[in-house]
Amino acid sequence: MRRIFHLLRHRAIENFNGDFKSLFDAHGSVPTKGEADTARFALGAVLIYQLALLHRHDKRHPDTNRGLKAFLRAA
């Protein structure tokens, strides 16, 4: 049972990390310097991501993640 949960969690986290880095172009180094500024950048990115998902969920989009990058770029 533990192995199954580990595999599910690993798959979900890796998908989220890839999507998140792709959305905010964070595959390389982040455009900030210093620990506080980097933390602020990451927290802001998570906030924008959550707000975008909430907005798309409220609009009853069947697939909330589809077209999210274009949605964020347009906003």
Protein backbone atom coordinates (compact mmCIF):
# COMPACT_ATOMS: atom_id res chain seq x y z
CA MET A 1 0.00 0.00 0.00
CA ARG A 2 2.84 2.39 0.83
CA ARG A 3 4.46 1.76 -2.55
CA ILE A 4 1.21 2.59 -4.37
CA PHE A 5 0.80 5.88 -2.50
CA HIS A 6 4.43 6.76 -3.12
CA LEU A 7 4.04 6.15 -6.86
CA LEU A 8 0.85 8.22 -7.03
CA ARG A 9 2.39 11.09 -5.09
CA HIS A 10 5.58 11.01 -7.14
CA ARG A 11 3.66 11.11 -10.41
CA ALA A 12 1.41 13.96 -9.24
CA ILE A 13 4.27 16.06 -7.86
CA GLU A 14 6.43 15.62 -10.96
CA ASN A 15 3.54 16.62 -13.23
CA PHE A 16 2.81 19.68 -11.10
CA ASN A 17 6.46 20.74 -10.98
CA GLY A 18 6.82 20.43 -14.75
CA ASP A 19 3.62 22.36 -15.45
CA PHE A 20 4.46 25.04 -12.90
CA LYS A 21 7.99 25.59 -14.23
CA SER A 22 6.67 25.69 -17.76
CA LEU A 23 3.98 28.24 -16.93
CA PHE A 24 6.36 30.65 -15.22
CA ASP A 25 9.50 29.96 -17.29
CA ALA A 26 11.37 28.82 -14.19
CA HIS A 27 13.34 25.89 -15.67
CA GLY A 28 16.63 27.74 -15.19
CA SER A 29 17.54 30.31 -12.63
CA VAL A 30 14.86 32.68 -11.42
CA PRO A 31 15.12 36.37 -12.38
CA THR A 32 15.72 37.51 -8.80
CA LYS A 33 18.71 37.76 -6.50
CA GLY A 34 18.69 36.96 -2.83
CA GLU A 35 16.76 34.49 -0.75
CA ALA A 36 13.91 36.83 0.20
CA ASP A 37 13.34 38.01 -3.37
CA THR A 38 13.38 34.43 -4.69
CA ALA A 39 10.90 33.34 -2.02
CA ARG A 40 8.68 36.30 -2.92
CA PHE A 41 8.85 35.35 -6.62
CA ALA A 42 7.90 31.73 -5.88
CA LEU A 43 5.08 32.73 -3.52
CA GLY A 44 3.72 35.21 -6.06
CA ALA A 45 3.83 32.57 -8.79
CA VAL A 46 1.92 30.10 -6.60
CA LEU A 47 -0.67 32.78 -5.76
CA ILE A 48 -1.22 33.67 -9.43
CA TYR A 49 -1.45 29.96 -10.32
CA GLN A 50 -4.07 29.34 -7.63
CA LEU A 51 -6.10 32.41 -8.62
CA ALA A 52 -6.04 31.37 -12.28
CA LEU A 53 -7.23 27.86 -11.40
CA LEU A 54 -9.98 29.28 -9.18
CA HIS A 55 -11.14 31.66 -11.92
CA ARG A 56 -11.22 28.91 -14.53
CA HIS A 57 -13.00 26.54 -12.13
CA ASP A 58 -15.65 29.19 -11.41
CA LYS A 59 -16.24 29.58 -15.15
CA ARG A 60 -16.95 25.84 -15.35
CA HIS A 61 -14.17 24.97 -17.76
CA PRO A 62 -14.24 21.20 -18.27
CA ASP A 63 -10.45 20.91 -18.16
CA THR A 64 -9.08 23.54 -15.80
CA ASN A 65 -5.42 23.14 -16.82
CA ARG A 66 -5.92 23.16 -20.59
CA GLY A 67 -4.88 26.50 -22.07
CA LEU A 68 -3.71 27.81 -18.72
CA LYS A 69 -0.42 29.15 -20.10
CA ALA A 70 -2.21 31.17 -22.77
CA PHE A 71 -4.69 32.38 -20.15
CA LEU A 72 -1.88 33.58 -17.88
CA ARG A 73 -0.03 35.25 -20.76
CA ALA A 74 -3.21 37.11 -21.77
CA ALA A 75 -3.92 38.31 -18.24
